[in-house]
Every structure is written in C-alpha cells, then in structure tokens.
Amino acid sequence: MRPATLMFTILGAFTNGITSAAEQNISCPERLEPEAIQSNHPPAGWELHMLRPVYLTEGGMLHGPPEESAFLVPDDSSSRRIGKQTLETLRWSFDVPNGQTLWVYCGYGGGGATLKLFKMVTKGVRECTLSTLSTTGPIKDSVKLSCK
C-alpha cells in the first residue's frame, strides 16, 4: 500500500462513488497513461501521442460545464504537515441556481499545458471539501473530493 493511500486510510479515507443520495466522494487517478489520451480526435492531419504518463498535480471545482471555464475559488483553505507529507484542504459552499451544475477537475502535468479530467458532481450538494496529499514538488500523492 502506498504511503499516501495508507495516510488517507488512517485519516478516514474517502471511497470512490456515491455513498448516499446527496453525498459524493471522488478520487482523482494518480496518473494518466498514454492509452487514455490516444483515443481523442486530434485536428485533421495530426496524430496525438502521449509518450509517457503524466502525474496528478492539482484539483478543484467549476460552476457549470468545463467548456465554460468557470473555475471556483475556495471559501477557505488550510495546510498542515503530517510527517513528510503536506495535507492541503480546500472548502467550497454552494447555493447552486436551478439547472446549474458543479464539476470537479483533476489536473496532470503541471504548468500552463496541464491536462484535465472533469466529472460532474451529484446535484443537490451544498458543500465540497477537496484534500490533497503531497510529499515534495508539484506531484500530488492523492486528490480526494467529498461533497454533501
């Protein structure tokens, strides 16, 4: 078991999936493999190849679908050391208008050319907490989101 996995288990780890009608727990994949990207459709005449895996570097929330790029600033955040790792916690509170959606994203690779995965959050949530665990540098050992 990886240290990050063990640490989140000790801290009351989140599970992947929906645990009740209005609660959702999401874990970002630790890295994206080239096979996950190759199935996209590049511009005509171009081929898309990812030569090596990219690692998890960030996570966050959006209001509305990804194409609208409405990235949300957390209401509050905290950071603390746990042994050799840093646990960062970001919290958002919502009063989502009818018909609007919330999305979580996981970012890979760092810098301005980050690849992102997006997943819609269960409708009706009022609060989300994103926890990241990292040892050193920009690579995250884990990014987990819990919404209620």
Protein backbone atom coordinates (compact mmCIF):
# COMPACT_ATOMS: atom_id res chain seq x y z
CA MET A 1 0.00 0.00 0.00
CA ARG A 2 1.42 3.42 -0.99
CA PRO A 3 2.14 5.86 1.88
CA ALA A 4 -0.49 8.28 0.54
CA THR A 5 -3.10 5.54 0.44
CA LEU A 6 -2.21 4.46 3.95
CA MET A 7 -2.31 8.06 5.22
CA PHE A 8 -5.80 8.67 3.82
CA THR A 9 -6.97 5.34 5.23
CA ILE A 10 -5.76 6.42 8.65
CA LEU A 11 -7.41 9.84 8.25
CA GLY A 12 -10.78 8.26 7.34
CA ALA A 13 -10.24 7.81 3.63
CA PHE A 14 -12.91 8.68 1.12
CA THR A 15 -14.33 5.99 -1.12
CA ASN A 16 -14.84 6.38 -4.84
CA GLY A 17 -18.52 6.62 -5.75
CA ILE A 18 -21.78 7.82 -4.28
CA THR A 19 -22.45 6.91 -0.63
CA SER A 20 -25.93 8.48 -0.29
CA ALA A 21 -28.37 10.48 -2.37
CA ALA A 22 -26.71 13.85 -1.66
CA GLU A 23 -23.15 12.76 -0.78
CA GLN A 24 -20.41 12.03 -3.30
CA ASN A 25 -16.76 11.05 -2.89
CA ILE A 26 -14.37 11.27 -5.84
CA SER A 27 -10.69 10.31 -6.06
CA CYS A 28 -8.53 11.60 -8.90
CA PRO A 29 -6.49 8.95 -10.74
CA GLU A 30 -2.84 9.26 -9.66
CA ARG A 31 -1.64 9.46 -13.25
CA LEU A 32 -2.90 9.32 -16.82
CA GLU A 33 -1.47 6.67 -19.10
CA PRO A 34 -0.84 7.30 -22.79
CA GLU A 35 -3.65 4.86 -23.75
CA ALA A 36 -6.20 7.11 -22.02
CA ILE A 37 -5.31 10.03 -24.29
CA GLN A 38 -4.75 8.28 -27.64
CA SER A 39 -8.49 7.80 -28.21
CA ASN A 40 -9.10 11.57 -28.60
CA HIS A 41 -9.64 13.14 -32.01
CA PRO A 42 -6.79 15.49 -32.97
CA PRO A 43 -7.15 18.13 -35.72
CA ALA A 44 -7.22 16.79 -39.30
CA GLY A 45 -3.77 15.72 -40.44
CA TRP A 46 -2.40 15.48 -36.89
CA GLU A 47 -1.75 12.50 -34.63
CA LEU A 48 -2.00 12.75 -30.86
CA HIS A 49 0.55 10.75 -28.87
CA MET A 50 1.38 10.94 -25.21
CA LEU A 51 4.85 9.46 -24.85
CA ARG A 52 4.87 8.93 -21.09
CA PRO A 53 2.45 9.08 -18.17
CA VAL A 54 1.61 12.44 -16.60
CA TYR A 55 1.16 12.70 -12.86
CA LEU A 56 -1.52 14.32 -10.72
CA THR A 57 -0.65 17.94 -9.85
CA GLU A 58 -3.91 19.70 -8.94
CA GLY A 59 -7.63 19.52 -8.33
CA GLY A 60 -10.51 21.95 -7.98
CA MET A 61 -14.12 22.86 -8.70
CA LEU A 62 -16.07 24.51 -11.53
CA HIS A 63 -19.51 26.08 -11.70
CA GLY A 64 -21.04 24.94 -14.97
CA PRO A 65 -19.60 22.64 -17.64
CA PRO A 66 -15.84 22.53 -18.37
CA GLU A 67 -16.15 24.42 -21.68
CA GLU A 68 -17.32 27.50 -19.72
CA SER A 69 -14.08 27.50 -17.65
CA ALA A 70 -15.85 28.84 -14.53
CA PHE A 71 -13.17 27.71 -12.07
CA LEU A 72 -14.17 28.39 -8.47
CA VAL A 73 -12.05 29.94 -5.72
CA PRO A 74 -12.41 28.06 -2.43
CA ASP A 75 -14.16 29.72 0.51
CA ASP A 76 -11.29 28.69 2.77
CA SER A 77 -8.15 26.57 2.75
CA SER A 78 -5.67 25.11 5.19
CA SER A 79 -2.36 23.29 5.00
CA ARG A 80 -0.51 21.18 7.55
CA ARG A 81 2.42 18.78 7.71
CA ILE A 82 1.85 15.13 8.56
CA GLY A 83 5.29 13.58 8.83
CA LYS A 84 7.00 14.07 5.45
CA GLN A 85 3.72 14.87 3.67
CA THR A 86 1.63 18.02 3.34
CA LEU A 87 -2.16 17.82 3.64
CA GLU A 88 -3.94 20.73 1.97
CA THR A 89 -7.70 21.15 2.38
CA LEU A 90 -9.92 23.42 0.25
CA ARG A 91 -13.62 24.02 1.02
CA TRP A 92 -16.47 25.40 -1.09
CA SER A 93 -20.06 26.16 -0.07
CA PHE A 94 -22.78 26.38 -2.71
CA ASP A 95 -26.20 27.81 -3.36
CA VAL A 96 -26.49 26.50 -6.92
CA PRO A 97 -29.26 28.03 -9.07
CA ASN A 98 -31.76 25.56 -10.52
CA GLY A 99 -30.38 23.90 -13.65
CA GLN A 100 -26.73 24.76 -12.92
CA THR A 101 -24.11 22.04 -12.42
CA LEU A 102 -20.96 21.67 -10.39
CA TRP A 103 -17.88 19.86 -11.66
CA VAL A 104 -14.64 18.64 -10.12
CA TYR A 105 -11.40 18.57 -12.08
CA CYS A 106 -8.11 16.71 -11.74
CA GLY A 107 -5.05 18.30 -13.37
CA TYR A 108 -2.00 16.44 -14.65
CA GLY A 109 1.48 17.51 -15.76
CA GLY A 110 1.75 20.97 -14.15
CA GLY A 111 2.47 24.30 -15.80
CA GLY A 112 0.26 26.05 -18.33
CA ALA A 113 -0.20 22.96 -20.53
CA THR A 114 -1.95 20.86 -17.88
CA LEU A 115 -4.25 18.04 -18.97
CA LYS A 116 -7.51 18.00 -17.03
CA LEU A 117 -10.17 15.37 -16.33
CA PHE A 118 -13.65 16.64 -15.44
CA LYS A 119 -16.50 14.91 -13.61
CA MET A 120 -19.94 16.28 -12.77
CA VAL A 121 -20.80 16.41 -9.07
CA THR A 122 -24.10 14.99 -7.82
CA LYS A 123 -26.93 17.55 -7.98
CA GLY A 124 -28.08 18.96 -4.68
CA VAL A 125 -24.73 19.11 -2.88
CA ARG A 126 -24.21 22.20 -0.73
CA GLU A 127 -20.58 21.80 0.30
CA CYS A 128 -17.43 20.18 -1.08
CA THR A 129 -14.04 19.59 0.54
CA LEU A 130 -11.00 18.77 -1.57
CA SER A 131 -7.98 17.22 0.17
CA THR A 132 -4.58 16.87 -1.45
CA LEU A 133 -1.65 14.95 -0.04
CA SER A 134 1.87 15.51 -1.37
CA THR A 135 5.39 14.63 -0.36
CA THR A 136 7.52 17.09 -2.35
CA GLY A 137 7.28 19.15 -5.53
CA PRO A 138 4.21 19.68 -7.66
CA ILE A 139 3.16 16.00 -7.91
CA LYS A 140 0.26 15.09 -5.61
CA ASP A 141 0.14 11.67 -3.99
CA SER A 142 -3.65 11.98 -3.97
CA VAL A 143 -6.52 14.40 -4.57
CA LYS A 144 -9.85 13.45 -2.98
CA LEU A 145 -13.14 15.31 -3.02
CA SER A 146 -16.03 14.83 -0.61
CA CYS A 147 -19.35 16.61 -1.28
CA LYS A 148 -22.50 16.69 0.86
